[in-house]
Amino acid sequence: MVNDTLGDMLTRIRNAVAVGHASVAVPASKVNARVADILKEEGYIEDWQEVAQDEVKKMINIKLRYFGERRSRRPVISNLKRVSRPGRRVYVRVGEIPRVLSGIGIAILSTPKGIITDKQARRLRVGGEVLCYVY
């Protein structure tokens, strides 16, 4: 049983990108589905879909994105970093929202308006819990 499903998802994506897999399966949850939506909107992954492995267990199949030709292809995601963990929560106010790699990467936050990117949080003027960095 995994307590930190988002951390597990990020680790599975990081490992799949490191070895060059085309897709990766992660446990399904509402948070994981929303983070996958954000990764798709921002262009870090191709697509995702929820699949039922059996009656109880649902998985999210994430199709990873690469650029370049077959031999020299590179992953779009260079790193995923979990910031707020179950043992140490990290909260920020609007003025403290981090810029990842000077705006090249994204920070994903859990706010009262839902799970959104750092740019959306600044536009909506809300702070929240910093879930992860993607670049």
N, C-alpha and C. Protein backbone atom coordinates (compact mmCIF):
# COMPACT_ATOMS: atom_id res chain seq x y z
N MET A 1 0.83 -1.17 0.00
CA MET A 1 0.00 0.00 0.00
C MET A 1 0.88 1.24 0.00
N VAL A 2 0.57 2.18 -0.86
CA VAL A 2 1.35 3.40 -0.99
C VAL A 2 0.59 4.54 -0.32
N ASN A 3 1.25 5.25 0.58
CA ASN A 3 0.61 6.38 1.25
C ASN A 3 0.69 7.65 0.42
N ASP A 4 1.79 7.83 -0.29
CA ASP A 4 2.00 9.04 -1.08
C ASP A 4 1.84 8.70 -2.56
N THR A 5 0.61 8.73 -3.06
CA THR A 5 0.36 8.32 -4.45
C THR A 5 0.99 9.28 -5.46
N LEU A 6 1.02 10.58 -5.13
CA LEU A 6 1.63 11.54 -6.04
C LEU A 6 3.14 11.33 -6.12
N GLY A 7 3.78 11.10 -4.99
CA GLY A 7 5.21 10.81 -4.98
C GLY A 7 5.53 9.55 -5.77
N ASP A 8 4.67 8.54 -5.63
CA ASP A 8 4.84 7.30 -6.38
C ASP A 8 4.69 7.55 -7.88
N MET A 9 3.71 8.38 -8.25
CA MET A 9 3.50 8.70 -9.66
C MET A 9 4.72 9.41 -10.25
N LEU A 10 5.23 10.41 -9.53
CA LEU A 10 6.39 11.16 -10.03
C LEU A 10 7.62 10.26 -10.16
N THR A 11 7.81 9.36 -9.20
CA THR A 11 8.95 8.44 -9.27
C THR A 11 8.82 7.49 -10.44
N ARG A 12 7.62 6.97 -10.68
CA ARG A 12 7.41 6.07 -11.83
C ARG A 12 7.66 6.79 -13.15
N ILE A 13 7.20 8.04 -13.27
CA ILE A 13 7.45 8.81 -14.50
C ILE A 13 8.94 9.07 -14.66
N ARG A 14 9.60 9.48 -13.59
CA ARG A 14 11.04 9.76 -13.61
C ARG A 14 11.82 8.53 -14.05
N ASN A 15 11.48 7.35 -13.51
CA ASN A 15 12.17 6.11 -13.87
C ASN A 15 11.89 5.71 -15.32
N ALA A 16 10.65 5.87 -15.78
CA ALA A 16 10.30 5.51 -17.16
C ALA A 16 11.01 6.41 -18.16
N VAL A 17 11.12 7.70 -17.85
CA VAL A 17 11.81 8.64 -18.73
C VAL A 17 13.30 8.31 -18.78
N ALA A 18 13.87 7.90 -17.64
CA ALA A 18 15.30 7.60 -17.57
C ALA A 18 15.70 6.43 -18.47
N VAL A 19 14.80 5.45 -18.63
CA VAL A 19 15.12 4.30 -19.47
C VAL A 19 14.48 4.38 -20.85
N GLY A 20 13.71 5.43 -21.13
CA GLY A 20 13.18 5.66 -22.47
C GLY A 20 11.90 4.93 -22.81
N HIS A 21 11.08 4.61 -21.82
CA HIS A 21 9.80 3.95 -22.09
C HIS A 21 8.83 4.89 -22.81
N ALA A 22 7.94 4.34 -23.60
CA ALA A 22 6.94 5.13 -24.32
C ALA A 22 5.78 5.51 -23.42
N SER A 23 5.46 4.65 -22.45
CA SER A 23 4.35 4.95 -21.54
C SER A 23 4.65 4.34 -20.18
N VAL A 24 3.86 4.77 -19.19
CA VAL A 24 4.03 4.27 -17.83
C VAL A 24 2.65 4.20 -17.19
N ALA A 25 2.45 3.18 -16.33
CA ALA A 25 1.19 3.02 -15.61
C ALA A 25 1.40 3.43 -14.16
N VAL A 26 0.49 4.28 -13.65
CA VAL A 26 0.56 4.74 -12.26
C VAL A 26 -0.79 4.50 -11.59
N PRO A 27 -0.81 4.36 -10.27
CA PRO A 27 -2.09 4.17 -9.58
C PRO A 27 -3.02 5.36 -9.78
N ALA A 28 -4.29 5.10 -9.94
CA ALA A 28 -5.27 6.15 -10.19
C ALA A 28 -5.73 6.79 -8.89
N SER A 29 -5.82 8.11 -8.91
CA SER A 29 -6.44 8.90 -7.84
C SER A 29 -6.85 10.23 -8.46
N LYS A 30 -7.68 10.98 -7.75
CA LYS A 30 -8.12 12.27 -8.28
C LYS A 30 -6.96 13.24 -8.42
N VAL A 31 -6.04 13.23 -7.46
CA VAL A 31 -4.87 14.12 -7.51
C VAL A 31 -3.98 13.73 -8.68
N ASN A 32 -3.71 12.44 -8.84
CA ASN A 32 -2.87 11.99 -9.96
C ASN A 32 -3.50 12.34 -11.30
N ALA A 33 -4.81 12.20 -11.41
CA ALA A 33 -5.49 12.53 -12.66
C ALA A 33 -5.37 14.02 -12.97
N ARG A 34 -5.53 14.87 -11.96
CA ARG A 34 -5.43 16.32 -12.18
C ARG A 34 -4.00 16.73 -12.53
N VAL A 35 -3.01 16.13 -11.87
CA VAL A 35 -1.61 16.43 -12.19
C VAL A 35 -1.30 15.97 -13.61
N ALA A 36 -1.82 14.81 -14.02
CA ALA A 36 -1.64 14.34 -15.39
C ALA A 36 -2.29 15.31 -16.38
N ASP A 37 -3.47 15.85 -16.03
CA ASP A 37 -4.11 16.87 -16.87
C ASP A 37 -3.21 18.08 -17.05
N ILE A 38 -2.62 18.55 -15.96
CA ILE A 38 -1.74 19.72 -16.03
C ILE A 38 -0.51 19.41 -16.87
N LEU A 39 0.08 18.23 -16.70
CA LEU A 39 1.25 17.86 -17.50
C LEU A 39 0.91 17.81 -18.99
N LYS A 40 -0.31 17.37 -19.31
CA LYS A 40 -0.74 17.36 -20.72
C LYS A 40 -0.96 18.77 -21.24
N GLU A 41 -1.64 19.61 -20.44
CA GLU A 41 -1.90 21.00 -20.86
C GLU A 41 -0.60 21.76 -21.10
N GLU A 42 0.41 21.51 -20.27
CA GLU A 42 1.68 22.22 -20.38
C GLU A 42 2.62 21.59 -21.41
N GLY A 43 2.25 20.44 -21.98
CA GLY A 43 3.04 19.83 -23.05
C GLY A 43 4.14 18.90 -22.57
N TYR A 44 4.10 18.45 -21.34
CA TYR A 44 5.13 17.55 -20.83
C TYR A 44 4.86 16.09 -21.17
N ILE A 45 3.59 15.72 -21.37
CA ILE A 45 3.24 14.36 -21.77
C ILE A 45 2.32 14.43 -22.98
N GLU A 46 2.24 13.32 -23.72
CA GLU A 46 1.37 13.26 -24.89
C GLU A 46 -0.10 13.19 -24.48
N ASP A 47 -0.42 12.18 -23.66
CA ASP A 47 -1.81 11.95 -23.28
C ASP A 47 -1.84 11.00 -22.10
N TRP A 48 -3.01 10.88 -21.49
CA TRP A 48 -3.20 9.90 -20.41
C TRP A 48 -4.63 9.39 -20.47
N GLN A 49 -4.82 8.20 -19.94
CA GLN A 49 -6.16 7.63 -19.85
C GLN A 49 -6.23 6.70 -18.66
N GLU A 50 -7.41 6.63 -18.07
CA GLU A 50 -7.62 5.76 -16.92
C GLU A 50 -8.08 4.40 -17.41
N VAL A 51 -7.41 3.36 -16.95
CA VAL A 51 -7.77 2.00 -17.34
C VAL A 51 -8.00 1.16 -16.09
N ALA A 52 -8.94 0.24 -16.17
CA ALA A 52 -9.24 -0.65 -15.04
C ALA A 52 -8.45 -1.94 -15.23
N GLN A 53 -7.54 -2.19 -14.29
CA GLN A 53 -6.76 -3.43 -14.35
C GLN A 53 -7.62 -4.61 -13.90
N ASP A 54 -8.37 -4.42 -12.84
CA ASP A 54 -9.38 -5.37 -12.41
C ASP A 54 -10.50 -4.58 -11.73
N GLU A 55 -11.40 -5.23 -11.02
CA GLU A 55 -12.55 -4.53 -10.45
C GLU A 55 -12.16 -3.47 -9.42
N VAL A 56 -11.12 -3.76 -8.65
CA VAL A 56 -10.75 -2.89 -7.54
C VAL A 56 -9.71 -1.86 -7.94
N LYS A 57 -8.71 -2.29 -8.69
CA LYS A 57 -7.54 -1.47 -8.95
C LYS A 57 -7.66 -0.72 -10.28
N LYS A 58 -7.60 0.58 -10.24
CA LYS A 58 -7.58 1.38 -11.47
C LYS A 58 -6.20 1.98 -11.63
N MET A 59 -5.76 2.08 -12.87
CA MET A 59 -4.46 2.64 -13.18
C MET A 59 -4.62 3.76 -14.21
N ILE A 60 -3.68 4.68 -14.21
CA ILE A 60 -3.62 5.73 -15.22
C ILE A 60 -2.45 5.41 -16.12
N ASN A 61 -2.70 5.29 -17.41
CA ASN A 61 -1.65 5.02 -18.38
C ASN A 61 -1.22 6.36 -19.00
N ILE A 62 0.03 6.74 -18.78
CA ILE A 62 0.55 8.02 -19.25
C ILE A 62 1.49 7.78 -20.42
N LYS A 63 1.21 8.43 -21.55
CA LYS A 63 2.06 8.33 -22.73
C LYS A 63 3.08 9.48 -22.66
N LEU A 64 4.34 9.14 -22.56
CA LEU A 64 5.40 10.14 -22.38
C LEU A 64 5.74 10.81 -23.70
N ARG A 65 6.27 12.02 -23.61
CA ARG A 65 6.60 12.81 -24.80
C ARG A 65 8.12 12.94 -24.93
N TYR A 66 8.59 12.76 -26.15
CA TYR A 66 10.01 12.91 -26.47
C TYR A 66 10.13 13.83 -27.67
N PHE A 67 11.32 14.42 -27.87
CA PHE A 67 11.55 15.21 -29.08
C PHE A 67 12.85 14.76 -29.72
N GLY A 68 12.94 14.95 -31.02
CA GLY A 68 14.11 14.50 -31.77
C GLY A 68 13.82 13.21 -32.51
N GLU A 69 14.80 12.78 -33.30
CA GLU A 69 14.68 11.55 -34.06
C GLU A 69 14.87 10.34 -33.17
N ARG A 70 14.64 9.18 -33.71
CA ARG A 70 14.63 7.95 -32.92
C ARG A 70 15.93 7.72 -32.17
N ARG A 71 17.06 7.87 -32.81
CA ARG A 71 18.35 7.61 -32.17
C ARG A 71 18.77 8.72 -31.21
N SER A 72 18.41 9.94 -31.53
CA SER A 72 18.86 11.07 -30.71
C SER A 72 17.71 11.73 -29.95
N ARG A 73 16.66 10.96 -29.67
CA ARG A 73 15.51 11.55 -29.00
C ARG A 73 15.81 11.83 -27.52
N ARG A 74 15.23 12.90 -27.05
CA ARG A 74 15.41 13.33 -25.66
C ARG A 74 14.02 13.52 -25.04
N PRO A 75 13.89 13.21 -23.74
CA PRO A 75 12.59 13.40 -23.10
C PRO A 75 12.29 14.88 -22.88
N VAL A 76 11.02 15.24 -22.94
CA VAL A 76 10.60 16.61 -22.66
C VAL A 76 10.76 16.90 -21.17
N ILE A 77 10.47 15.92 -20.33
CA ILE A 77 10.63 16.07 -18.88
C ILE A 77 12.07 15.76 -18.51
N SER A 78 12.80 16.75 -18.01
CA SER A 78 14.16 16.47 -17.57
C SER A 78 14.21 16.13 -16.09
N ASN A 79 13.26 16.64 -15.30
CA ASN A 79 13.23 16.31 -13.88
C ASN A 79 11.85 16.58 -13.29
N LEU A 80 11.51 15.78 -12.30
CA LEU A 80 10.29 15.95 -11.50
C LEU A 80 10.75 15.94 -10.04
N LYS A 81 10.31 16.91 -9.27
CA LYS A 81 10.74 16.97 -7.88
C LYS A 81 9.52 17.14 -6.98
N ARG A 82 9.34 16.23 -6.04
CA ARG A 82 8.26 16.32 -5.04
C ARG A 82 8.70 17.30 -3.97
N VAL A 83 7.89 18.31 -3.70
CA VAL A 83 8.25 19.34 -2.73
C VAL A 83 7.56 19.07 -1.40
N SER A 84 6.25 19.09 -1.38
CA SER A 84 5.49 18.87 -0.16
C SER A 84 5.22 17.38 -0.02
N ARG A 85 5.66 16.81 1.08
CA ARG A 85 5.50 15.38 1.31
C ARG A 85 4.56 15.17 2.49
N PRO A 86 4.09 13.94 2.71
CA PRO A 86 3.21 13.72 3.87
C PRO A 86 3.88 14.06 5.20
N GLY A 87 5.18 13.92 5.30
CA GLY A 87 5.88 14.23 6.54
C GLY A 87 6.28 15.68 6.68
N ARG A 88 6.28 16.43 5.59
CA ARG A 88 6.68 17.84 5.63
C ARG A 88 5.91 18.61 4.57
N ARG A 89 4.86 19.26 4.99
CA ARG A 89 4.04 20.05 4.06
C ARG A 89 4.68 21.41 3.84
N VAL A 90 4.63 21.90 2.59
CA VAL A 90 5.20 23.19 2.24
C VAL A 90 4.08 24.07 1.68
N TYR A 91 3.78 25.16 2.39
CA TYR A 91 2.74 26.09 1.96
C TYR A 91 3.37 27.42 1.60
N VAL A 92 2.78 28.12 0.62
CA VAL A 92 3.28 29.43 0.20
C VAL A 92 2.13 30.41 0.06
N ARG A 93 2.44 31.68 0.26
CA ARG A 93 1.48 32.76 -0.02
C ARG A 93 1.64 33.18 -1.47
N VAL A 94 0.81 34.07 -1.93
CA VAL A 94 0.83 34.50 -3.33
C VAL A 94 2.19 35.09 -3.70
N GLY A 95 2.75 35.92 -2.87
CA GLY A 95 4.03 36.55 -3.17
C GLY A 95 5.21 35.61 -3.07
N GLU A 96 5.03 34.45 -2.48
CA GLU A 96 6.12 33.50 -2.29
C GLU A 96 6.09 32.34 -3.28
N ILE A 97 5.17 32.35 -4.24
CA ILE A 97 5.06 31.24 -5.19
C ILE A 97 6.35 31.17 -6.00
N PRO A 98 7.01 30.00 -6.01
CA PRO A 98 8.32 29.90 -6.66
C PRO A 98 8.23 29.90 -8.19
N ARG A 99 9.28 30.42 -8.81
CA ARG A 99 9.43 30.35 -10.26
C ARG A 99 10.47 29.26 -10.52
N VAL A 100 10.07 28.22 -11.23
CA VAL A 100 10.95 27.09 -11.48
C VAL A 100 11.80 27.37 -12.71
N LEU A 101 13.10 27.37 -12.54
CA LEU A 101 14.07 27.67 -13.61
C LEU A 101 13.73 28.98 -14.32
N SER A 102 13.44 30.00 -13.56
CA SER A 102 13.10 31.34 -14.08
C SER A 102 11.90 31.31 -15.03
N GLY A 103 10.96 30.44 -14.76
CA GLY A 103 9.74 30.38 -15.56
C GLY A 103 9.74 29.33 -16.65
N ILE A 104 10.86 28.62 -16.84
CA ILE A 104 10.91 27.57 -17.86
C ILE A 104 10.11 26.35 -17.41
N GLY A 105 10.26 25.97 -16.14
CA GLY A 105 9.51 24.85 -15.59
C GLY A 105 8.23 25.33 -14.93
N ILE A 106 7.51 24.40 -14.32
CA ILE A 106 6.28 24.75 -13.63
C ILE A 106 6.29 24.19 -12.22
N ALA A 107 5.59 24.88 -11.34
CA ALA A 107 5.31 24.36 -10.01
C ALA A 107 3.82 24.04 -9.99
N ILE A 108 3.47 22.91 -9.42
CA ILE A 108 2.07 22.52 -9.31
C ILE A 108 1.65 22.70 -7.87
N LEU A 109 0.56 23.48 -7.67
CA LEU A 109 0.09 23.81 -6.33
C LEU A 109 -1.32 23.28 -6.10
N SER A 110 -1.59 22.95 -4.85
CA SER A 110 -2.94 22.61 -4.43
C SER A 110 -3.49 23.83 -3.69
N THR A 111 -4.52 24.46 -4.26
CA THR A 111 -5.05 25.71 -3.73
C THR A 111 -6.54 25.54 -3.44
N PRO A 112 -7.16 26.55 -2.83
CA PRO A 112 -8.62 26.50 -2.67
C PRO A 112 -9.37 26.48 -4.00
N LYS A 113 -8.72 26.91 -5.09
CA LYS A 113 -9.32 26.90 -6.42
C LYS A 113 -9.06 25.59 -7.16
N GLY A 114 -8.39 24.63 -6.51
CA GLY A 114 -8.09 23.35 -7.13
C GLY A 114 -6.60 23.19 -7.33
N ILE A 115 -6.21 22.13 -8.01
CA ILE A 115 -4.80 21.88 -8.30
C ILE A 115 -4.47 22.61 -9.59
N ILE A 116 -3.55 23.59 -9.50
CA ILE A 116 -3.24 24.47 -10.63
C ILE A 116 -1.73 24.72 -10.71
N THR A 117 -1.30 25.35 -11.80
CA THR A 117 0.12 25.68 -11.97
C THR A 117 0.44 26.98 -11.24
N ASP A 118 1.73 27.27 -11.14
CA ASP A 118 2.16 28.49 -10.47
C ASP A 118 1.69 29.75 -11.20
N LYS A 119 1.66 29.71 -12.52
CA LYS A 119 1.21 30.87 -13.30
C LYS A 119 -0.27 31.16 -13.06
N GLN A 120 -1.07 30.10 -13.03
CA GLN A 120 -2.50 30.26 -12.77
C GLN A 120 -2.74 30.77 -11.36
N ALA A 121 -1.95 30.29 -10.39
CA ALA A 121 -2.10 30.72 -9.00
C ALA A 121 -1.78 32.21 -8.86
N ARG A 122 -0.75 32.68 -9.57
CA ARG A 122 -0.43 34.11 -9.53
C ARG A 122 -1.55 34.93 -10.15
N ARG A 123 -2.10 34.44 -11.27
CA ARG A 123 -3.18 35.14 -11.95
C ARG A 123 -4.44 35.21 -11.07
N LEU A 124 -4.74 34.11 -10.37
CA LEU A 124 -5.92 34.05 -9.50
C LEU A 124 -5.66 34.65 -8.12
N ARG A 125 -4.40 34.99 -7.84
CA ARG A 125 -3.99 35.58 -6.56
C ARG A 125 -4.32 34.66 -5.37
N VAL A 126 -3.92 33.37 -5.48
CA VAL A 126 -4.12 32.42 -4.39
C VAL A 126 -2.81 31.70 -4.09
N GLY A 127 -2.61 31.37 -2.85
CA GLY A 127 -1.48 30.57 -2.43
C GLY A 127 -1.96 29.16 -2.14
N GLY A 128 -1.06 28.31 -1.66
CA GLY A 128 -1.46 26.95 -1.34
C GLY A 128 -0.26 26.07 -1.08
N GLU A 129 -0.49 24.78 -1.18
CA GLU A 129 0.56 23.79 -0.93
C GLU A 129 1.30 23.50 -2.22
N VAL A 130 2.62 23.59 -2.20
CA VAL A 130 3.44 23.29 -3.37
C VAL A 130 3.62 21.78 -3.47
N LEU A 131 3.00 21.16 -4.47
CA LEU A 131 3.06 19.72 -4.62
C LEU A 131 4.37 19.26 -5.25
N CYS A 132 4.72 19.86 -6.41
CA CYS A 132 5.92 19.40 -7.10
C CYS A 132 6.41 20.44 -8.11
N TYR A 133 7.65 20.24 -8.57
CA TYR A 133 8.25 21.03 -9.63
C TYR A 133 8.43 20.12 -10.83
N VAL A 134 8.18 20.64 -12.02
CA VAL A 134 8.39 19.88 -13.27
C VAL A 134 9.19 20.77 -14.21
N TYR A 135 10.28 20.23 -14.74
CA TYR A 135 11.07 20.95 -15.73
C TYR A 135 11.83 19.97 -16.59
